[in-house]
Amino acid sequence: MWIRILLLSLAWTVVGCGGEQALDGPTIFANQCARCHGPAGEGETGPALGSNGRLPSMSDSEIRSVIAGGRQGTAMPAFSRLSDIELTSLVSYLRSLP
């Protein structure tokens, strides 16, 4: 857990040095994901995402792919405008959901 926090802090610092403004995982989740997946990832119109949801059986790469490309035939849209750092931060946050 502390390693994730350290990595996220380093990622945020690197982004800040380049002048690019990246959002952190919790902010992205609150703004883009919570309306369908619930404020704590418990699921609403979208499926649950925490330990009782789909994510534990998916790799980080698979999660990134679904976020960036959406899921055809479902209500899950593509979030292709998220940067690599934002995707990494969001995936890390999703992994922390209970």
N, C-alpha and C. Protein backbone atom coordinates (compact mmCIF):
# COMPACT_ATOMS: atom_id res chain seq x y z
N MET A 1 0.82 -1.19 0.00
CA MET A 1 0.00 0.00 0.00
C MET A 1 0.87 1.26 0.00
N TRP A 2 1.89 1.29 0.86
CA TRP A 2 2.76 2.46 0.92
C TRP A 2 3.52 2.65 -0.37
N ILE A 3 3.85 1.55 -1.02
CA ILE A 3 4.56 1.65 -2.30
C ILE A 3 3.67 2.32 -3.33
N ARG A 4 2.38 1.96 -3.37
CA ARG A 4 1.44 2.60 -4.30
C ARG A 4 1.36 4.10 -4.04
N ILE A 5 1.28 4.47 -2.78
CA ILE A 5 1.19 5.90 -2.44
C ILE A 5 2.44 6.62 -2.89
N LEU A 6 3.61 6.01 -2.64
CA LEU A 6 4.87 6.61 -3.07
C LEU A 6 4.91 6.75 -4.58
N LEU A 7 4.53 5.71 -5.30
CA LEU A 7 4.54 5.76 -6.77
C LEU A 7 3.59 6.82 -7.29
N LEU A 8 2.42 6.92 -6.70
CA LEU A 8 1.46 7.95 -7.12
C LEU A 8 2.01 9.34 -6.84
N SER A 9 2.68 9.51 -5.71
CA SER A 9 3.27 10.80 -5.38
C SER A 9 4.36 11.16 -6.38
N LEU A 10 5.18 10.19 -6.72
CA LEU A 10 6.23 10.44 -7.71
C LEU A 10 5.64 10.75 -9.06
N ALA A 11 4.61 10.03 -9.45
CA ALA A 11 3.95 10.28 -10.74
C ALA A 11 3.37 11.69 -10.76
N TRP A 12 2.75 12.10 -9.67
CA TRP A 12 2.16 13.43 -9.60
C TRP A 12 3.25 14.49 -9.71
N THR A 13 4.40 14.28 -9.06
CA THR A 13 5.50 15.23 -9.11
C THR A 13 6.04 15.35 -10.53
N VAL A 14 6.22 14.22 -11.21
CA VAL A 14 6.74 14.24 -12.58
C VAL A 14 5.78 15.00 -13.48
N VAL A 15 4.50 14.74 -13.36
CA VAL A 15 3.51 15.42 -14.18
C VAL A 15 3.54 16.91 -13.89
N GLY A 16 3.61 17.26 -12.62
CA GLY A 16 3.64 18.66 -12.24
C GLY A 16 4.84 19.38 -12.81
N CYS A 17 5.97 18.73 -12.90
CA CYS A 17 7.18 19.35 -13.44
C CYS A 17 7.04 19.64 -14.92
N GLY A 18 6.26 18.84 -15.63
CA GLY A 18 6.10 19.04 -17.06
C GLY A 18 5.04 20.07 -17.40
N GLY A 19 4.37 20.63 -16.41
CA GLY A 19 3.35 21.62 -16.67
C GLY A 19 2.00 21.03 -17.03
N GLU A 20 1.93 19.73 -17.19
CA GLU A 20 0.69 19.05 -17.53
C GLU A 20 -0.10 18.81 -16.25
N GLN A 21 -1.39 19.05 -16.28
CA GLN A 21 -2.21 18.88 -15.08
C GLN A 21 -2.90 17.52 -15.13
N ALA A 22 -2.53 16.62 -14.27
CA ALA A 22 -3.15 15.30 -14.22
C ALA A 22 -4.02 15.21 -12.97
N LEU A 23 -5.14 14.53 -13.10
CA LEU A 23 -6.02 14.32 -11.96
C LEU A 23 -5.63 13.03 -11.25
N ASP A 24 -5.85 12.99 -9.94
CA ASP A 24 -5.56 11.78 -9.18
C ASP A 24 -6.72 10.79 -9.30
N GLY A 25 -6.45 9.53 -8.93
CA GLY A 25 -7.43 8.46 -9.06
C GLY A 25 -8.75 8.73 -8.37
N PRO A 26 -8.74 9.15 -7.09
CA PRO A 26 -10.01 9.42 -6.42
C PRO A 26 -10.84 10.52 -7.10
N THR A 27 -10.17 11.54 -7.61
CA THR A 27 -10.88 12.62 -8.30
C THR A 27 -11.48 12.14 -9.61
N ILE A 28 -10.71 11.39 -10.36
CA ILE A 28 -11.22 10.84 -11.62
C ILE A 28 -12.41 9.95 -11.34
N PHE A 29 -12.28 9.08 -10.32
CA PHE A 29 -13.38 8.17 -9.99
C PHE A 29 -14.64 8.97 -9.62
N ALA A 30 -14.49 9.96 -8.76
CA ALA A 30 -15.64 10.76 -8.32
C ALA A 30 -16.30 11.47 -9.49
N ASN A 31 -15.49 11.98 -10.41
CA ASN A 31 -16.02 12.75 -11.53
C ASN A 31 -16.55 11.90 -12.68
N GLN A 32 -15.97 10.74 -12.90
CA GLN A 32 -16.30 9.97 -14.09
C GLN A 32 -16.94 8.61 -13.84
N CYS A 33 -16.67 8.00 -12.71
CA CYS A 33 -17.06 6.60 -12.50
C CYS A 33 -18.20 6.43 -11.50
N ALA A 34 -18.20 7.27 -10.46
CA ALA A 34 -19.13 7.08 -9.34
C ALA A 34 -20.59 7.14 -9.75
N ARG A 35 -20.91 7.93 -10.76
CA ARG A 35 -22.33 8.05 -11.15
C ARG A 35 -22.91 6.71 -11.58
N CYS A 36 -22.12 5.82 -12.12
CA CYS A 36 -22.62 4.48 -12.52
C CYS A 36 -22.20 3.38 -11.55
N HIS A 37 -20.98 3.48 -11.02
CA HIS A 37 -20.44 2.42 -10.18
C HIS A 37 -20.62 2.67 -8.69
N GLY A 38 -21.24 3.80 -8.32
CA GLY A 38 -21.46 4.14 -6.92
C GLY A 38 -20.28 4.87 -6.33
N PRO A 39 -20.51 5.70 -5.32
CA PRO A 39 -19.44 6.51 -4.73
C PRO A 39 -18.31 5.70 -4.10
N ALA A 40 -18.58 4.47 -3.71
CA ALA A 40 -17.54 3.61 -3.13
C ALA A 40 -17.27 2.40 -4.01
N GLY A 41 -17.72 2.44 -5.27
CA GLY A 41 -17.51 1.32 -6.18
C GLY A 41 -18.41 0.14 -5.90
N GLU A 42 -19.48 0.36 -5.13
CA GLU A 42 -20.36 -0.73 -4.73
C GLU A 42 -21.31 -1.17 -5.84
N GLY A 43 -21.38 -0.42 -6.91
CA GLY A 43 -22.26 -0.75 -8.02
C GLY A 43 -23.60 -0.07 -7.90
N GLU A 44 -24.06 0.46 -9.00
CA GLU A 44 -25.40 1.03 -9.10
C GLU A 44 -25.92 0.62 -10.47
N THR A 45 -25.93 1.53 -11.44
CA THR A 45 -26.31 1.12 -12.79
C THR A 45 -25.18 0.32 -13.44
N GLY A 46 -23.95 0.56 -12.99
CA GLY A 46 -22.80 -0.22 -13.43
C GLY A 46 -22.45 -1.25 -12.37
N PRO A 47 -21.64 -2.24 -12.71
CA PRO A 47 -21.30 -3.30 -11.75
C PRO A 47 -20.40 -2.81 -10.61
N ALA A 48 -20.41 -3.57 -9.52
CA ALA A 48 -19.51 -3.31 -8.39
C ALA A 48 -18.07 -3.49 -8.86
N LEU A 49 -17.16 -2.70 -8.27
CA LEU A 49 -15.77 -2.74 -8.70
C LEU A 49 -14.80 -3.20 -7.62
N GLY A 50 -15.18 -3.17 -6.37
CA GLY A 50 -14.28 -3.52 -5.28
C GLY A 50 -14.03 -5.01 -5.19
N SER A 51 -13.68 -5.47 -4.02
CA SER A 51 -13.32 -6.88 -3.81
C SER A 51 -14.50 -7.81 -4.11
N ASN A 52 -15.72 -7.30 -4.06
CA ASN A 52 -16.88 -8.12 -4.40
C ASN A 52 -17.29 -7.97 -5.87
N GLY A 53 -16.51 -7.24 -6.62
CA GLY A 53 -16.84 -6.96 -8.01
C GLY A 53 -15.96 -7.73 -8.99
N ARG A 54 -15.82 -7.17 -10.16
CA ARG A 54 -15.09 -7.81 -11.26
C ARG A 54 -13.58 -7.61 -11.22
N LEU A 55 -13.13 -6.56 -10.59
CA LEU A 55 -11.72 -6.19 -10.71
C LEU A 55 -10.71 -7.19 -10.17
N PRO A 56 -10.98 -7.89 -9.07
CA PRO A 56 -9.96 -8.80 -8.55
C PRO A 56 -9.51 -9.86 -9.55
N SER A 57 -10.38 -10.21 -10.49
CA SER A 57 -10.01 -11.24 -11.46
C SER A 57 -9.37 -10.66 -12.72
N MET A 58 -9.21 -9.33 -12.78
CA MET A 58 -8.64 -8.68 -13.97
C MET A 58 -7.24 -8.16 -13.68
N SER A 59 -6.39 -8.19 -14.71
CA SER A 59 -5.05 -7.59 -14.58
C SER A 59 -5.17 -6.07 -14.71
N ASP A 60 -4.14 -5.37 -14.28
CA ASP A 60 -4.12 -3.91 -14.43
C ASP A 60 -4.26 -3.53 -15.90
N SER A 61 -3.60 -4.26 -16.76
CA SER A 61 -3.67 -4.00 -18.20
C SER A 61 -5.09 -4.15 -18.73
N GLU A 62 -5.79 -5.18 -18.28
CA GLU A 62 -7.18 -5.38 -18.70
C GLU A 62 -8.07 -4.24 -18.21
N ILE A 63 -7.86 -3.81 -16.98
CA ILE A 63 -8.65 -2.72 -16.43
C ILE A 63 -8.40 -1.44 -17.23
N ARG A 64 -7.13 -1.14 -17.50
CA ARG A 64 -6.79 0.04 -18.30
C ARG A 64 -7.46 -0.02 -19.67
N SER A 65 -7.45 -1.18 -20.28
CA SER A 65 -8.05 -1.35 -21.59
C SER A 65 -9.56 -1.08 -21.57
N VAL A 66 -10.23 -1.58 -20.55
CA VAL A 66 -11.68 -1.35 -20.43
C VAL A 66 -11.95 0.13 -20.19
N ILE A 67 -11.18 0.77 -19.34
CA ILE A 67 -11.39 2.20 -19.06
C ILE A 67 -11.17 3.01 -20.33
N ALA A 68 -10.07 2.78 -21.00
CA ALA A 68 -9.73 3.58 -22.18
C ALA A 68 -10.63 3.27 -23.38
N GLY A 69 -11.03 2.01 -23.53
CA GLY A 69 -11.79 1.62 -24.72
C GLY A 69 -13.26 1.35 -24.51
N GLY A 70 -13.71 1.31 -23.25
CA GLY A 70 -15.10 1.00 -22.97
C GLY A 70 -15.39 -0.48 -23.17
N ARG A 71 -16.64 -0.84 -23.02
CA ARG A 71 -17.08 -2.23 -23.25
C ARG A 71 -18.22 -2.21 -24.24
N GLN A 72 -17.94 -2.75 -25.41
CA GLN A 72 -18.95 -2.79 -26.47
C GLN A 72 -20.17 -3.60 -26.00
N GLY A 73 -21.36 -3.09 -26.31
CA GLY A 73 -22.58 -3.78 -25.95
C GLY A 73 -23.04 -3.52 -24.52
N THR A 74 -22.33 -2.62 -23.83
CA THR A 74 -22.72 -2.24 -22.46
C THR A 74 -22.79 -0.72 -22.39
N ALA A 75 -23.16 -0.22 -21.24
CA ALA A 75 -23.21 1.23 -21.03
C ALA A 75 -21.84 1.82 -20.69
N MET A 76 -20.80 0.98 -20.60
CA MET A 76 -19.46 1.46 -20.25
C MET A 76 -18.84 2.21 -21.42
N PRO A 77 -18.70 3.56 -21.29
CA PRO A 77 -18.10 4.33 -22.38
C PRO A 77 -16.57 4.27 -22.34
N ALA A 78 -15.96 4.71 -23.41
CA ALA A 78 -14.50 4.83 -23.47
C ALA A 78 -14.08 6.15 -22.84
N PHE A 79 -13.02 6.10 -22.06
CA PHE A 79 -12.42 7.30 -21.48
C PHE A 79 -11.03 7.46 -22.08
N SER A 80 -10.98 7.63 -23.38
CA SER A 80 -9.73 7.65 -24.13
C SER A 80 -8.92 8.91 -23.92
N ARG A 81 -9.49 9.92 -23.30
CA ARG A 81 -8.75 11.17 -23.07
C ARG A 81 -7.91 11.16 -21.80
N LEU A 82 -8.02 10.11 -21.00
CA LEU A 82 -7.19 10.03 -19.80
C LEU A 82 -5.74 9.75 -20.19
N SER A 83 -4.83 10.44 -19.55
CA SER A 83 -3.40 10.21 -19.81
C SER A 83 -2.96 8.89 -19.19
N ASP A 84 -1.78 8.44 -19.56
CA ASP A 84 -1.24 7.21 -18.97
C ASP A 84 -1.11 7.34 -17.46
N ILE A 85 -0.69 8.50 -17.00
CA ILE A 85 -0.54 8.71 -15.55
C ILE A 85 -1.90 8.68 -14.87
N GLU A 86 -2.91 9.29 -15.50
CA GLU A 86 -4.25 9.27 -14.92
C GLU A 86 -4.81 7.85 -14.89
N LEU A 87 -4.60 7.09 -15.96
CA LEU A 87 -5.04 5.69 -15.98
C LEU A 87 -4.37 4.89 -14.87
N THR A 88 -3.08 5.06 -14.71
CA THR A 88 -2.34 4.36 -13.66
C THR A 88 -2.88 4.74 -12.29
N SER A 89 -3.11 6.01 -12.07
CA SER A 89 -3.65 6.49 -10.80
C SER A 89 -5.05 5.95 -10.54
N LEU A 90 -5.89 5.92 -11.59
CA LEU A 90 -7.24 5.41 -11.43
C LEU A 90 -7.23 3.91 -11.14
N VAL A 91 -6.43 3.15 -11.85
CA VAL A 91 -6.34 1.71 -11.60
C VAL A 91 -5.86 1.45 -10.18
N SER A 92 -4.87 2.19 -9.72
CA SER A 92 -4.38 2.04 -8.35
C SER A 92 -5.49 2.34 -7.35
N TYR A 93 -6.26 3.38 -7.61
CA TYR A 93 -7.37 3.70 -6.72
C TYR A 93 -8.42 2.60 -6.73
N LEU A 94 -8.75 2.09 -7.91
CA LEU A 94 -9.73 1.00 -8.01
C LEU A 94 -9.27 -0.22 -7.23
N ARG A 95 -7.98 -0.51 -7.26
CA ARG A 95 -7.43 -1.65 -6.51
C ARG A 95 -7.58 -1.45 -5.00
N SER A 96 -7.68 -0.20 -4.56
CA SER A 96 -7.79 0.08 -3.12
C SER A 96 -9.23 0.00 -2.61
N LEU A 97 -10.20 -0.12 -3.50
CA LEU A 97 -11.61 -0.18 -3.06
C LEU A 97 -11.87 -1.45 -2.27
N PRO A 98 -12.65 -1.32 -1.20
CA PRO A 98 -12.95 -2.51 -0.37
C PRO A 98 -13.87 -3.50 -1.09
